[in-house]
């Protein structure tokens, strides 16, 4: 059986990249940067910390 752990949405608004992350544990949060790699790194670190503490 599959279970959704989180939803991640990446957007670009002019020169700003936006990541929206929603999960049961962390709720809704948003990250912004002019660098896509920086936004992606922020999302990865946040989700790693969130799911490591949940176990």
PDB file of N, CA and C in Angstrom:
ATOM      1  N   UNK A   1       0.836  -1.180   0.000  1.00  0.00           N
ATOM      2  CA  UNK A   1       0.000   0.000   0.000  1.00  0.00           C
ATOM      3  C   UNK A   1       0.883   1.247   0.000  1.00  0.00           C
ATOM      4  N   UNK A   2       0.556   2.211  -0.841  1.00  0.00           N
ATOM      5  CA  UNK A   2       1.313   3.449  -0.932  1.00  0.00           C
ATOM      6  C   UNK A   2       0.761   4.485   0.027  1.00  0.00           C
ATOM      7  N   UNK A   3       1.664   5.301   0.540  1.00  0.00           N
ATOM      8  CA  UNK A   3       1.274   6.391   1.432  1.00  0.00           C
ATOM      9  C   UNK A   3       2.068   7.633   1.036  1.00  0.00           C
ATOM     10  N   UNK A   4       1.393   8.731   0.825  1.00  0.00           N
ATOM     11  CA  UNK A   4       2.066   9.976   0.491  1.00  0.00           C
ATOM     12  C   UNK A   4       2.727  10.532   1.740  1.00  0.00           C
ATOM     13  N   UNK A   5       4.041  10.763   1.662  1.00  0.00           N
ATOM     14  CA  UNK A   5       4.781  11.309   2.800  1.00  0.00           C
ATOM     15  C   UNK A   5       4.857  12.826   2.740  1.00  0.00           C
ATOM     16  N   UNK A   6       4.987  13.364   1.526  1.00  0.00           N
ATOM     17  CA  UNK A   6       5.043  14.814   1.384  1.00  0.00           C
ATOM     18  C   UNK A   6       4.752  15.193  -0.072  1.00  0.00           C
ATOM     19  N   UNK A   7       4.418  16.447  -0.258  1.00  0.00           N
ATOM     20  CA  UNK A   7       4.239  17.019  -1.588  1.00  0.00           C
ATOM     21  C   UNK A   7       5.261  18.141  -1.746  1.00  0.00           C
ATOM     22  N   UNK A   8       5.940  18.153  -2.894  1.00  0.00           N
ATOM     23  CA  UNK A   8       6.940  19.181  -3.171  1.00  0.00           C
ATOM     24  C   UNK A   8       6.597  19.809  -4.512  1.00  0.00           C
ATOM     25  N   UNK A   9       6.594  21.133  -4.535  1.00  0.00           N
ATOM     26  CA  UNK A   9       6.265  21.874  -5.754  1.00  0.00           C
ATOM     27  C   UNK A   9       7.378  22.886  -5.993  1.00  0.00           C
ATOM     28  N   UNK A  10       7.927  22.910  -7.214  1.00  0.00           N
ATOM     29  CA  UNK A  10       8.965  23.874  -7.572  1.00  0.00           C
ATOM     30  C   UNK A  10       8.388  24.847  -8.595  1.00  0.00           C
ATOM     31  N   UNK A  11       8.605  26.130  -8.355  1.00  0.00           N
ATOM     32  CA  UNK A  11       8.113  27.195  -9.230  1.00  0.00           C
ATOM     33  C   UNK A  11       9.238  28.164  -9.550  1.00  0.00           C
ATOM     34  N   UNK A  12       9.066  28.909 -10.631  1.00  0.00           N
ATOM     35  CA  UNK A  12      10.006  29.984 -10.952  1.00  0.00           C
ATOM     36  C   UNK A  12       9.195  31.240 -11.229  1.00  0.00           C
ATOM     37  N   UNK A  13       9.525  32.304 -10.503  1.00  0.00           N
ATOM     38  CA  UNK A  13       8.858  33.589 -10.647  1.00  0.00           C
ATOM     39  C   UNK A  13       9.932  34.618 -10.967  1.00  0.00           C
ATOM     40  N   UNK A  14       9.981  35.042 -12.218  1.00  0.00           N
ATOM     41  CA  UNK A  14      11.046  35.922 -12.702  1.00  0.00           C
ATOM     42  C   UNK A  14      12.391  35.257 -12.441  1.00  0.00           C
ATOM     43  N   UNK A  15      13.233  35.821 -11.573  1.00  0.00           N
ATOM     44  CA  UNK A  15      14.552  35.251 -11.295  1.00  0.00           C
ATOM     45  C   UNK A  15      14.600  34.550  -9.943  1.00  0.00           C
ATOM     46  N   UNK A  16      13.454  34.217  -9.384  1.00  0.00           N
ATOM     47  CA  UNK A  16      13.391  33.575  -8.077  1.00  0.00           C
ATOM     48  C   UNK A  16      12.800  32.181  -8.205  1.00  0.00           C
ATOM     49  N   UNK A  17      13.502  31.216  -7.626  1.00  0.00           N
ATOM     50  CA  UNK A  17      12.988  29.848  -7.555  1.00  0.00           C
ATOM     51  C   UNK A  17      12.289  29.669  -6.213  1.00  0.00           C
ATOM     52  N   UNK A  18      11.157  28.992  -6.252  1.00  0.00           N
ATOM     53  CA  UNK A  18      10.346  28.786  -5.051  1.00  0.00           C
ATOM     54  C   UNK A  18      10.074  27.295  -4.914  1.00  0.00           C
ATOM     55  N   UNK A  19      10.255  26.775  -3.712  1.00  0.00           N
ATOM     56  CA  UNK A  19       9.890  25.389  -3.414  1.00  0.00           C
ATOM     57  C   UNK A  19       8.847  25.427  -2.312  1.00  0.00           C
ATOM     58  N   UNK A  20       7.744  24.747  -2.535  1.00  0.00           N
ATOM     59  CA  UNK A  20       6.702  24.615  -1.515  1.00  0.00           C
ATOM     60  C   UNK A  20       6.652  23.150  -1.099  1.00  0.00           C
ATOM     61  N   UNK A  21       6.799  22.921   0.193  1.00  0.00           N
ATOM     62  CA  UNK A  21       6.823  21.571   0.738  1.00  0.00           C
ATOM     63  C   UNK A  21       5.703  21.446   1.750  1.00  0.00           C
ATOM     64  N   UNK A  22       4.937  20.370   1.644  1.00  0.00           N
ATOM     65  CA  UNK A  22       3.870  20.114   2.614  1.00  0.00           C
ATOM     66  C   UNK A  22       3.965  18.667   3.069  1.00  0.00           C
ATOM     67  N   UNK A  23       3.945  18.484   4.395  1.00  0.00           N
ATOM     68  CA  UNK A  23       3.953  17.140   4.969  1.00  0.00           C
ATOM     69  C   UNK A  23       3.143  17.154   6.254  1.00  0.00           C
ATOM     70  N   UNK A  24       2.731  15.981   6.689  1.00  0.00           N
ATOM     71  CA  UNK A  24       1.973  15.876   7.938  1.00  0.00           C
ATOM     72  C   UNK A  24       2.821  16.300   9.126  1.00  0.00           C
ATOM     73  N   UNK A  25       4.098  15.972   9.103  1.00  0.00           N
ATOM     74  CA  UNK A  25       4.975  16.281  10.232  1.00  0.00           C
ATOM     75  C   UNK A  25       5.355  17.759  10.285  1.00  0.00           C
ATOM     76  N   UNK A  26       5.721  18.326   9.146  1.00  0.00           N
ATOM     77  CA  UNK A  26       6.242  19.696   9.119  1.00  0.00           C
ATOM     78  C   UNK A  26       5.270  20.751   8.646  1.00  0.00           C
ATOM     79  N   UNK A  27       4.100  20.350   8.183  1.00  0.00           N
ATOM     80  CA  UNK A  27       3.138  21.315   7.671  1.00  0.00           C
ATOM     81  C   UNK A  27       3.592  21.895   6.344  1.00  0.00           C
ATOM     82  N   UNK A  28       3.107  23.099   6.041  1.00  0.00           N
ATOM     83  CA  UNK A  28       3.443  23.777   4.788  1.00  0.00           C
ATOM     84  C   UNK A  28       4.580  24.760   5.032  1.00  0.00           C
ATOM     85  N   UNK A  29       5.601  24.711   4.182  1.00  0.00           N
ATOM     86  CA  UNK A  29       6.672  25.697   4.251  1.00  0.00           C
ATOM     87  C   UNK A  29       7.147  26.024   2.847  1.00  0.00           C
ATOM     88  N   UNK A  30       7.839  27.161   2.743  1.00  0.00           N
ATOM     89  CA  UNK A  30       8.251  27.660   1.433  1.00  0.00           C
ATOM     90  C   UNK A  30       9.692  28.135   1.505  1.00  0.00           C
ATOM     91  N   UNK A  31      10.449  27.861   0.455  1.00  0.00           N
ATOM     92  CA  UNK A  31      11.844  28.275   0.352  1.00  0.00           C
ATOM     93  C   UNK A  31      12.000  29.092  -0.926  1.00  0.00           C
ATOM     94  N   UNK A  32      12.837  30.136  -0.855  1.00  0.00           N
ATOM     95  CA  UNK A  32      13.058  31.004  -2.016  1.00  0.00           C
ATOM     96  C   UNK A  32      14.538  31.301  -2.177  1.00  0.00           C
ATOM     97  N   UNK A  33      14.975  31.362  -3.426  1.00  0.00           N
ATOM     98  CA  UNK A  33      16.353  31.722  -3.720  1.00  0.00           C
ATOM     99  C   UNK A  33      16.466  32.050  -5.204  1.00  0.00           C
ATOM    100  N   UNK A  34      17.511  32.761  -5.561  1.00  0.00           N
ATOM    101  CA  UNK A  34      17.771  33.031  -6.978  1.00  0.00           C
ATOM    102  C   UNK A  34      18.471  31.840  -7.631  1.00  0.00           C
ATOM    103  N   UNK A  35      18.886  30.863  -6.818  1.00  0.00           N
ATOM    104  CA  UNK A  35      19.568  29.667  -7.314  1.00  0.00           C
ATOM    105  C   UNK A  35      18.689  28.431  -7.103  1.00  0.00           C
ATOM    106  N   UNK A  36      18.426  27.691  -8.170  1.00  0.00           N
ATOM    107  CA  UNK A  36      17.637  26.474  -8.049  1.00  0.00           C
ATOM    108  C   UNK A  36      18.347  25.453  -7.165  1.00  0.00           C
ATOM    109  N   UNK A  37      19.663  25.340  -7.326  1.00  0.00           N
ATOM    110  CA  UNK A  37      20.434  24.382  -6.531  1.00  0.00           C
ATOM    111  C   UNK A  37      20.316  24.684  -5.043  1.00  0.00           C
ATOM    112  N   UNK A  38      20.309  25.946  -4.675  1.00  0.00           N
ATOM    113  CA  UNK A  38      20.189  26.335  -3.266  1.00  0.00           C
ATOM    114  C   UNK A  38      18.815  25.961  -2.709  1.00  0.00           C
ATOM    115  N   UNK A  39      17.768  26.206  -3.476  1.00  0.00           N
ATOM    116  CA  UNK A  39      16.415  25.838  -3.043  1.00  0.00           C
ATOM    117  C   UNK A  39      16.309  24.320  -2.899  1.00  0.00           C
ATOM    118  N   UNK A  40      16.836  23.590  -3.855  1.00  0.00           N
ATOM    119  CA  UNK A  40      16.798  22.137  -3.808  1.00  0.00           C
ATOM    120  C   UNK A  40      17.560  21.611  -2.589  1.00  0.00           C
ATOM    121  N   UNK A  41      18.714  22.178  -2.313  1.00  0.00           N
ATOM    122  CA  UNK A  41      19.500  21.767  -1.148  1.00  0.00           C
ATOM    123  C   UNK A  41      18.744  22.031   0.155  1.00  0.00           C
ATOM    124  N   UNK A  42      18.067  23.167   0.247  1.00  0.00           N
ATOM    125  CA  UNK A  42      17.277  23.490   1.440  1.00  0.00           C
ATOM    126  C   UNK A  42      16.163  22.467   1.644  1.00  0.00           C
ATOM    127  N   UNK A  43      15.492  22.094   0.571  1.00  0.00           N
ATOM    128  CA  UNK A  43      14.408  21.111   0.651  1.00  0.00           C
ATOM    129  C   UNK A  43      14.955  19.755   1.089  1.00  0.00           C
ATOM    130  N   UNK A  44      16.056  19.329   0.506  1.00  0.00           N
ATOM    131  CA  UNK A  44      16.647  18.030   0.835  1.00  0.00           C
ATOM    132  C   UNK A  44      17.045  17.982   2.307  1.00  0.00           C
ATOM    133  N   UNK A  45      17.728  19.006   2.790  1.00  0.00           N
ATOM    134  CA  UNK A  45      18.164  19.038   4.189  1.00  0.00           C
ATOM    135  C   UNK A  45      16.968  19.015   5.125  1.00  0.00           C
ATOM    136  N   UNK A  46      15.961  19.820   4.826  1.00  0.00           N
ATOM    137  CA  UNK A  46      14.770  19.886   5.673  1.00  0.00           C
ATOM    138  C   UNK A  46      14.056  18.542   5.742  1.00  0.00           C
ATOM    139  N   UNK A  47      13.872  17.899   4.596  1.00  0.00           N
ATOM    140  CA  UNK A  47      13.170  16.625   4.578  1.00  0.00           C
ATOM    141  C   UNK A  47      13.990  15.516   5.246  1.00  0.00           C
ATOM    142  N   UNK A  48      15.309  15.529   5.062  1.00  0.00           N
ATOM    143  CA  UNK A  48      16.156  14.547   5.735  1.00  0.00           C
ATOM    144  C   UNK A  48      16.013  14.677   7.256  1.00  0.00           C
ATOM    145  N   UNK A  49      16.103  15.891   7.759  1.00  0.00           N
ATOM    146  CA  UNK A  49      15.971  16.114   9.197  1.00  0.00           C
ATOM    147  C   UNK A  49      14.592  15.710   9.691  1.00  0.00           C
ATOM    148  N   UNK A  50      13.574  16.061   8.942  1.00  0.00           N
ATOM    149  CA  UNK A  50      12.207  15.756   9.340  1.00  0.00           C
ATOM    150  C   UNK A  50      11.963  14.249   9.460  1.00  0.00           C
ATOM    151  N   UNK A  51      12.402  13.495   8.458  1.00  0.00           N
ATOM    152  CA  UNK A  51      12.130  12.068   8.456  1.00  0.00           C
ATOM    153  C   UNK A  51      13.096  11.280   9.330  1.00  0.00           C
ATOM    154  N   UNK A  52      14.285  11.801   9.585  1.00  0.00           N
ATOM    155  CA  UNK A  52      15.203  11.133  10.520  1.00  0.00           C
ATOM    156  C   UNK A  52      14.673  11.218  11.944  1.00  0.00           C
ATOM    157  N   UNK A  53      14.095  12.346  12.317  1.00  0.00           N
ATOM    158  CA  UNK A  53      13.573  12.503  13.668  1.00  0.00           C
ATOM    159  C   UNK A  53      12.246  11.778  13.855  1.00  0.00           C
ATOM    160  N   UNK A  54      11.577  11.469  12.750  1.00  0.00           N
ATOM    161  CA  UNK A  54      10.267  10.797  12.836  1.00  0.00           C
ATOM    162  C   UNK A  54      10.409   9.305  13.091  1.00  0.00           C
ATOM    163  N   UNK A  55      11.568   8.760  12.846  1.00  0.00           N
ATOM    164  CA  UNK A  55      11.751   7.301  12.982  1.00  0.00           C
ATOM    165  C   UNK A  55      12.150   6.922  14.372  1.00  0.00           C
TER     166      UNK A  55
END
